[in-house]
Amino acid sequence: MERKWENISLWLKQEGMDMAFVHSTPSVFYLTRFLCHPHERLMGVFLFPEADPFLVCPNMEQARARKAGWTGQLIGYDDAQDPWVMIGEALRKRGIGRDATIAIEKESLSYARVEALTQLVPGATFTSVDARINQLRLVKSADELNILREAALIADEAVQVGLDALAIGCTEMEIVAQIELAMKKRGIREMSFPTTVLFGDNSALPHGTPGGRPLQKGDFVLFDLGVVLDGYCSDITRTFAYQEASEEQRAIYDAVLTAQVAAVEACRPGLRMGDLDLIARNLIKERGYGEYFTHRLGHGLGIDVHEYPSIHERNDDPLQTGMVFTIEPGVYVPGVGGVRIEDDVVITADGAEVLTRFPKEFQIIH
């Protein structure tokens, strides 16, 4: 097994830090291949510049951690035990005492757990490991890309399930149920996020919540969905017109499609992320819909459905080969409806590979 945690140990050594505590489910999975949602229970991996790491998890999860490939020290505990007592002993054996420098996931570690660490290591100085983990997760390996490709194709299938279920009078939630049932039957245990199906004026809400709104002739129908496959997420959005479309609906769709295609075609290593956003944003402005494009162009995609980086106009970072992210411009006109077209893409040596394949040309569904 590729020992990705060694990257963190090397970084600690280079930066002169004493240890790192990585606790979030996605980051632990990335570093160890152990995927566990411990709820309120403590889980995490402790890493050191020279000493061997150790993993902490509830007793009930130890077998799964071993099955995932963790061969190092494993500290298990039951619900009546305080895991910090055992952690303290393991830290002392590795020479961690007062005034140590500890790298933590500052964006998500609770204050209570920082206090617990401080009690074990008085005078500790805390720094962030978030940026380092983000950089490691930014460029996907060949194995990760293979999973993401398959997850994207399954998302394509889910859109088709939703289309096939449409009928006058059906509700948004009924279509959500059809999609998620089909995915469960296919063996998908988890969607990347709650499946979104929006009809008519509800589609003008970028993060609208599906409900009992019935489908009517002339509605926009927006699907935003994804699946989790082997710990990795896909994310696709497609928008259709049902039975008929007005000229305004066609104009909105054409503006979004033009911007989305242009952004995909512009992708290449070295391009400033902000410029990629502006390519799409400026095209939508030229069509007169600039004020209705109310979010960034896209986001990183991998273990988390939203992860680093954020593709917005002020991001000066360059695109890199192996990055996976979404390209999803949208126009949302109150009282009319909204259009969003979203693909998952990976940056290649000379451009981009589009992972989601569902057709995105304007379609009127009958």
Protein backbone atom coordinates (compact mmCIF):
# COMPACT_ATOMS: atom_id res chain seq x y z
CA MET A 1 0.00 0.00 0.00
CA GLU A 2 1.25 3.49 -0.85
CA ARG A 3 2.03 5.11 2.48
CA LYS A 4 0.80 8.63 1.88
CA TRP A 5 1.26 9.50 5.54
CA GLU A 6 5.02 9.50 4.91
CA ASN A 7 4.55 12.78 3.01
CA ILE A 8 3.34 14.38 6.24
CA SER A 9 6.21 12.91 8.25
CA LEU A 10 8.74 14.30 5.76
CA TRP A 11 7.03 17.69 5.86
CA LEU A 12 7.16 17.73 9.69
CA LYS A 13 10.88 17.01 9.54
CA GLN A 14 11.51 19.74 6.97
CA GLU A 15 9.50 22.30 8.96
CA GLY A 16 10.98 21.38 12.33
CA MET A 17 7.66 20.35 13.86
CA ASP A 18 7.21 17.66 16.50
CA MET A 19 3.99 15.96 15.46
CA ALA A 20 0.72 16.18 13.54
CA PHE A 21 -2.75 15.09 14.51
CA VAL A 22 -5.05 14.45 11.53
CA HIS A 23 -8.61 13.70 12.56
CA SER A 24 -11.11 14.46 9.78
CA THR A 25 -12.70 11.48 8.07
CA PRO A 26 -11.60 12.52 4.53
CA SER A 27 -8.00 13.22 5.54
CA VAL A 28 -7.66 10.04 7.60
CA PHE A 29 -9.01 8.10 4.63
CA TYR A 30 -6.57 9.82 2.27
CA LEU A 31 -3.57 9.05 4.47
CA THR A 32 -4.50 5.53 5.61
CA ARG A 33 -7.25 4.14 3.29
CA PHE A 34 -9.36 3.68 6.45
CA LEU A 35 -12.81 5.18 5.80
CA CYS A 36 -14.77 5.61 9.00
CA HIS A 37 -17.47 8.01 10.19
CA PRO A 38 -16.98 7.85 13.99
CA HIS A 39 -19.78 10.31 14.84
CA GLU A 40 -18.85 11.99 18.14
CA ARG A 41 -16.14 9.45 18.95
CA LEU A 42 -12.46 10.34 18.59
CA MET A 43 -10.57 9.07 15.57
CA GLY A 44 -7.32 10.22 14.09
CA VAL A 45 -3.77 9.48 13.07
CA PHE A 46 -0.77 10.87 14.96
CA LEU A 47 2.32 11.42 12.82
CA PHE A 48 5.93 12.25 13.68
CA PRO A 49 9.06 13.32 11.79
CA GLU A 50 11.00 10.19 12.79
CA ALA A 51 8.90 7.95 15.06
CA ASP A 52 6.28 5.51 13.83
CA PRO A 53 2.72 6.86 13.56
CA PHE A 54 -0.26 5.48 15.43
CA LEU A 55 -3.96 5.40 14.68
CA VAL A 56 -6.73 5.92 17.25
CA CYS A 57 -10.26 4.65 16.70
CA PRO A 58 -13.12 3.06 18.62
CA ASN A 59 -12.67 -0.65 19.43
CA MET A 60 -15.61 -1.50 17.21
CA GLU A 61 -13.72 -0.13 14.18
CA GLN A 62 -10.33 -1.81 14.70
CA ALA A 63 -11.03 -4.75 12.40
CA ARG A 64 -12.03 -2.40 9.60
CA ALA A 65 -8.88 -0.32 10.08
CA ARG A 66 -6.72 -3.44 9.73
CA LYS A 67 -8.70 -4.61 6.72
CA ALA A 68 -8.10 -1.22 5.08
CA GLY A 69 -4.37 -1.86 5.37
CA TRP A 70 -3.22 -0.10 8.55
CA THR A 71 -0.28 -2.11 9.90
CA GLY A 72 1.10 0.30 12.50
CA GLN A 73 0.18 0.80 16.14
CA LEU A 74 -3.57 0.92 16.64
CA ILE A 75 -5.05 2.34 19.83
CA GLY A 76 -8.61 1.20 20.36
CA TYR A 77 -10.97 2.21 23.12
CA ASP A 78 -14.51 1.50 24.22
CA ASP A 79 -17.22 3.98 25.12
CA ALA A 80 -16.39 3.85 28.83
CA GLN A 81 -12.72 4.72 28.30
CA ASP A 82 -10.91 8.02 27.83
CA PRO A 83 -8.76 7.60 24.70
CA TRP A 84 -6.62 10.61 25.64
CA VAL A 85 -5.06 8.61 28.49
CA MET A 86 -3.75 6.03 26.01
CA ILE A 87 -2.75 8.74 23.57
CA GLY A 88 -0.72 10.46 26.27
CA GLU A 89 1.21 7.26 26.95
CA ALA A 90 1.92 6.75 23.26
CA LEU A 91 3.15 10.35 22.94
CA ARG A 92 5.50 10.00 25.93
CA LYS A 93 7.03 6.87 24.39
CA ARG A 94 7.80 8.96 21.30
CA GLY A 95 9.44 11.72 23.31
CA ILE A 96 6.64 14.27 22.98
CA GLY A 97 6.69 16.45 26.09
CA ARG A 98 6.28 20.11 26.92
CA ASP A 99 6.36 22.91 24.36
CA ALA A 100 5.99 20.70 21.30
CA THR A 101 4.87 22.13 17.96
CA ILE A 102 1.74 20.31 16.79
CA ALA A 103 0.22 20.54 13.31
CA ILE A 104 -3.56 20.14 13.37
CA GLU A 105 -6.49 20.58 11.01
CA LYS A 106 -7.33 24.04 12.28
CA GLU A 107 -10.38 24.39 10.07
CA SER A 108 -12.20 21.49 11.68
CA LEU A 109 -10.63 20.39 14.99
CA SER A 110 -12.87 21.27 17.92
CA TYR A 111 -11.67 23.54 20.70
CA ALA A 112 -12.37 20.77 23.22
CA ARG A 113 -9.88 18.49 21.47
CA VAL A 114 -7.29 21.25 21.28
CA GLU A 115 -7.71 21.58 25.04
CA ALA A 116 -7.21 17.82 25.45
CA LEU A 117 -3.99 17.98 23.44
CA THR A 118 -2.81 20.95 25.51
CA GLN A 119 -3.33 18.99 28.71
CA LEU A 120 -1.12 16.20 27.33
CA VAL A 121 1.47 18.61 25.92
CA PRO A 122 1.64 21.71 28.16
CA GLY A 123 2.91 24.78 26.37
CA ALA A 124 2.13 23.28 22.95
CA THR A 125 2.23 25.53 19.91
CA PHE A 126 -0.36 24.76 17.25
CA THR A 127 0.03 25.27 13.53
CA SER A 128 -2.05 24.21 10.54
CA VAL A 129 -1.63 21.05 8.49
CA ASP A 130 -4.64 21.89 6.29
CA ALA A 131 -2.73 23.54 3.45
CA ARG A 132 -0.25 20.67 3.26
CA ILE A 133 -3.00 18.05 3.07
CA ASN A 134 -4.86 20.13 0.48
CA GLN A 135 -1.73 20.24 -1.67
CA LEU A 136 -1.25 16.48 -1.39
CA ARG A 137 -4.88 15.79 -2.27
CA LEU A 138 -4.87 18.33 -5.11
CA VAL A 139 -3.16 16.11 -7.71
CA LYS A 140 -4.84 12.74 -8.12
CA SER A 141 -3.01 9.47 -8.65
CA ALA A 142 -3.81 7.11 -11.52
CA ASP A 143 -5.82 4.91 -9.13
CA GLU A 144 -7.82 7.89 -7.86
CA LEU A 145 -8.54 9.04 -11.41
CA ASN A 146 -9.84 5.61 -12.38
CA ILE A 147 -12.31 5.70 -9.49
CA LEU A 148 -13.38 9.25 -10.32
CA ARG A 149 -13.96 8.30 -13.97
CA GLU A 150 -16.25 5.45 -12.96
CA ALA A 151 -18.08 7.58 -10.39
CA ALA A 152 -18.73 10.21 -13.09
CA LEU A 153 -20.18 7.64 -15.48
CA ILE A 154 -22.51 6.37 -12.76
CA ALA A 155 -23.66 9.96 -12.20
CA ASP A 156 -24.46 10.12 -15.92
CA GLU A 157 -26.66 7.05 -15.46
CA ALA A 158 -28.45 8.69 -12.55
CA VAL A 159 -29.40 11.70 -14.68
CA GLN A 160 -30.92 9.36 -17.24
CA VAL A 161 -32.94 7.64 -14.50
CA GLY A 162 -34.36 11.02 -13.53
CA LEU A 163 -35.23 11.92 -17.09
CA ASP A 164 -36.98 8.61 -17.69
CA ALA A 165 -39.15 9.15 -14.59
CA LEU A 166 -40.49 12.58 -15.60
CA ALA A 167 -44.23 12.93 -16.18
CA ILE A 168 -46.72 15.76 -15.88
CA GLY A 169 -47.72 16.15 -12.24
CA CYS A 170 -44.82 14.22 -10.72
CA THR A 171 -43.07 16.01 -7.87
CA GLU A 172 -39.44 16.89 -7.37
CA MET A 173 -39.16 14.54 -4.40
CA GLU A 174 -40.70 11.67 -6.35
CA ILE A 175 -37.94 11.99 -8.95
CA VAL A 176 -35.31 12.22 -6.21
CA ALA A 177 -36.66 8.97 -4.79
CA GLN A 178 -36.55 7.24 -8.19
CA ILE A 179 -32.93 8.29 -8.74
CA GLU A 180 -31.69 7.28 -5.31
CA LEU A 181 -33.56 3.95 -5.39
CA ALA A 182 -31.98 3.13 -8.74
CA MET A 183 -28.54 3.97 -7.38
CA LYS A 184 -29.08 1.79 -4.31
CA LYS A 185 -30.10 -1.09 -6.56
CA ARG A 186 -26.92 -0.49 -8.52
CA GLY A 187 -24.85 -0.90 -5.35
CA ILE A 188 -24.22 2.77 -4.55
CA ARG A 189 -24.54 3.20 -0.78
CA GLU A 190 -24.14 6.97 -0.63
CA MET A 191 -24.79 9.99 -2.80
CA SER A 192 -22.18 12.75 -2.84
CA PHE A 193 -24.80 15.13 -1.36
CA PRO A 194 -28.60 15.16 -1.14
CA THR A 195 -29.86 14.71 -4.70
CA THR A 196 -31.32 17.91 -6.11
CA VAL A 197 -34.23 17.95 -8.60
CA LEU A 198 -35.87 21.34 -9.20
CA PHE A 199 -38.79 22.24 -11.49
CA GLY A 200 -39.75 25.58 -13.04
CA ASP A 201 -39.11 28.68 -10.96
CA ASN A 202 -37.50 26.52 -8.25
CA SER A 203 -34.58 25.98 -10.62
CA ALA A 204 -33.72 29.67 -10.14
CA LEU A 205 -32.50 28.77 -6.64
CA PRO A 206 -28.84 27.65 -7.01
CA HIS A 207 -29.11 25.45 -3.90
CA GLY A 208 -32.85 24.91 -3.91
CA THR A 209 -34.43 22.14 -1.85
CA PRO A 210 -36.63 19.60 -3.67
CA GLY A 211 -40.20 19.42 -2.44
CA GLY A 212 -43.72 18.78 -3.61
CA ARG A 213 -43.68 21.11 -6.60
CA PRO A 214 -45.41 19.26 -9.50
CA LEU A 215 -43.92 19.20 -12.99
CA GLN A 216 -45.69 21.35 -15.59
CA LYS A 217 -45.37 21.84 -19.31
CA GLY A 218 -42.71 24.45 -20.11
CA ASP A 219 -40.73 23.95 -16.88
CA PHE A 220 -37.00 23.90 -16.63
CA VAL A 221 -35.92 20.65 -14.93
CA LEU A 222 -32.57 20.84 -13.13
CA PHE A 223 -30.72 17.76 -11.85
CA ASP A 224 -27.71 18.18 -9.55
CA LEU A 225 -26.35 14.91 -8.17
CA GLY A 226 -23.36 12.66 -7.65
CA VAL A 227 -22.36 9.32 -6.18
CA VAL A 228 -19.67 8.16 -3.79
CA LEU A 229 -17.64 5.27 -5.16
CA ASP A 230 -14.83 3.70 -3.12
CA GLY A 231 -14.59 6.91 -1.10
CA TYR A 232 -14.54 9.34 -4.06
CA CYS A 233 -17.28 11.68 -5.29
CA SER A 234 -18.78 12.67 -8.61
CA ASP A 235 -20.91 15.77 -9.24
CA ILE A 236 -22.97 16.59 -12.32
CA THR A 237 -25.66 19.14 -13.17
CA ARG A 238 -27.86 19.06 -16.25
CA THR A 239 -30.86 21.22 -17.09
CA PHE A 240 -33.68 20.42 -19.53
CA ALA A 241 -36.94 21.94 -20.71
CA TYR A 242 -40.10 19.86 -20.36
CA GLN A 243 -42.30 19.57 -23.48
CA GLU A 244 -41.75 23.15 -24.63
CA ALA A 245 -39.41 26.12 -24.13
CA SER A 246 -39.75 29.87 -24.50
CA GLU A 247 -37.26 32.03 -26.37
CA GLU A 248 -36.03 33.40 -23.04
CA GLN A 249 -35.37 29.89 -21.75
CA ARG A 250 -33.45 29.08 -24.91
CA ALA A 251 -31.40 32.27 -24.57
CA ILE A 252 -30.52 31.52 -20.95
CA TYR A 253 -29.51 27.98 -21.80
CA ASP A 254 -27.39 29.07 -24.75
CA ALA A 255 -25.54 31.62 -22.62
CA VAL A 256 -24.66 29.01 -20.00
CA LEU A 257 -23.70 26.35 -22.52
CA THR A 258 -21.46 28.74 -24.43
CA ALA A 259 -19.68 29.74 -21.22
CA GLN A 260 -19.33 26.17 -19.97
CA VAL A 261 -17.90 24.82 -23.21
CA ALA A 262 -15.50 27.75 -23.51
CA ALA A 263 -14.19 27.17 -19.98
CA VAL A 264 -13.67 23.46 -20.59
CA GLU A 265 -11.83 24.16 -23.85
CA ALA A 266 -9.61 26.76 -22.15
CA CYS A 267 -8.30 24.37 -19.50
CA ARG A 268 -4.57 23.73 -19.58
CA PRO A 269 -1.73 23.45 -17.06
CA GLY A 270 -0.50 26.84 -15.89
CA LEU A 271 -3.70 28.78 -16.56
CA ARG A 272 -4.63 31.04 -13.65
CA MET A 273 -7.76 29.66 -11.97
CA GLY A 274 -9.26 33.14 -11.77
CA ASP A 275 -8.88 33.55 -15.51
CA LEU A 276 -10.78 30.32 -16.09
CA ASP A 277 -13.66 31.70 -14.03
CA LEU A 278 -13.55 34.98 -15.94
CA ILE A 279 -13.70 33.25 -19.32
CA ALA A 280 -17.12 31.86 -18.43
CA ARG A 281 -18.26 34.90 -16.44
CA ASN A 282 -17.47 37.39 -19.18
CA LEU A 283 -19.30 35.37 -21.82
CA ILE A 284 -22.40 35.30 -19.63
CA LYS A 285 -22.09 39.05 -19.04
CA GLU A 286 -21.93 39.62 -22.79
CA ARG A 287 -25.30 37.86 -23.12
CA GLY A 288 -26.81 40.19 -20.52
CA TYR A 289 -27.04 37.70 -17.67
CA GLY A 290 -24.00 38.66 -15.59
CA GLU A 291 -25.99 39.64 -12.51
CA TYR A 292 -27.65 36.21 -12.51
CA PHE A 293 -24.40 34.21 -12.34
CA THR A 294 -24.10 34.34 -8.57
CA HIS A 295 -21.42 31.78 -7.63
CA ARG A 296 -17.90 30.67 -8.51
CA LEU A 297 -17.18 28.63 -11.62
CA GLY A 298 -16.31 25.43 -9.79
CA HIS A 299 -14.65 23.55 -6.95
CA GLY A 300 -12.18 20.77 -6.36
CA LEU A 301 -13.52 17.23 -6.37
CA GLY A 302 -12.24 14.02 -4.84
CA ILE A 303 -12.79 12.44 -1.43
CA ASP A 304 -14.93 15.48 -0.61
CA VAL A 305 -17.49 16.70 -3.10
CA HIS A 306 -16.27 20.24 -2.35
CA GLU A 307 -12.55 20.36 -1.70
CA TYR A 308 -9.56 22.52 -2.56
CA PRO A 309 -9.29 24.48 -4.83
CA SER A 310 -12.04 27.07 -5.27
CA ILE A 311 -12.28 28.20 -8.90
CA HIS A 312 -13.19 31.87 -8.52
CA GLU A 313 -12.06 35.02 -10.28
CA ARG A 314 -9.62 36.12 -7.56
CA ASN A 315 -7.77 32.81 -7.27
CA ASP A 316 -4.25 33.36 -8.62
CA ASP A 317 -3.15 29.71 -8.36
CA PRO A 318 -2.36 27.88 -11.61
CA LEU A 319 -4.08 24.77 -12.89
CA GLN A 320 -1.92 21.66 -12.50
CA THR A 321 -1.87 18.35 -14.32
CA GLY A 322 -3.89 15.81 -12.35
CA MET A 323 -6.23 18.30 -10.69
CA VAL A 324 -9.90 17.32 -10.70
CA PHE A 325 -12.59 19.96 -10.34
CA THR A 326 -16.02 21.01 -11.59
CA ILE A 327 -16.89 23.57 -14.23
CA GLU A 328 -20.46 24.69 -13.53
CA PRO A 329 -21.56 28.15 -14.66
CA GLY A 330 -25.19 29.01 -14.02
CA VAL A 331 -27.79 31.68 -14.71
CA TYR A 332 -30.74 32.01 -12.32
CA VAL A 333 -33.55 34.38 -13.28
CA PRO A 334 -36.27 34.74 -10.62
CA GLY A 335 -39.73 33.93 -11.91
CA VAL A 336 -38.32 32.25 -15.02
CA GLY A 337 -35.97 29.56 -13.83
CA GLY A 338 -32.32 28.66 -13.78
CA VAL A 339 -29.82 26.76 -15.87
CA ARG A 340 -26.63 25.17 -14.59
CA ILE A 341 -24.40 22.86 -16.60
CA GLU A 342 -21.71 21.05 -14.64
CA ASP A 343 -18.95 18.67 -15.67
CA ASP A 344 -16.15 17.00 -13.75
CA VAL A 345 -12.79 17.56 -15.45
CA VAL A 346 -9.19 16.49 -14.90
CA ILE A 347 -6.32 18.62 -16.15
CA THR A 348 -4.10 16.74 -18.60
CA ALA A 349 -0.71 17.60 -20.10
CA ASP A 350 -2.32 19.56 -22.94
CA GLY A 351 -5.86 20.38 -21.81
CA ALA A 352 -8.63 18.63 -19.92
CA GLU A 353 -10.42 15.29 -19.90
CA VAL A 354 -14.13 15.58 -19.22
CA LEU A 355 -15.23 12.77 -16.90
CA THR A 356 -18.99 13.36 -17.01
CA ARG A 357 -20.30 12.42 -20.44
CA PHE A 358 -24.05 13.06 -20.38
CA PRO A 359 -25.00 15.24 -23.39
CA LYS A 360 -25.33 18.91 -22.55
CA GLU A 361 -26.84 20.33 -25.73
CA PHE A 362 -30.27 21.92 -25.17
CA GLN A 363 -32.96 19.26 -24.97
CA ILE A 364 -36.74 19.48 -24.74
CA ILE A 365 -37.97 16.34 -22.98
CA HIS A 366 -41.30 14.87 -24.14
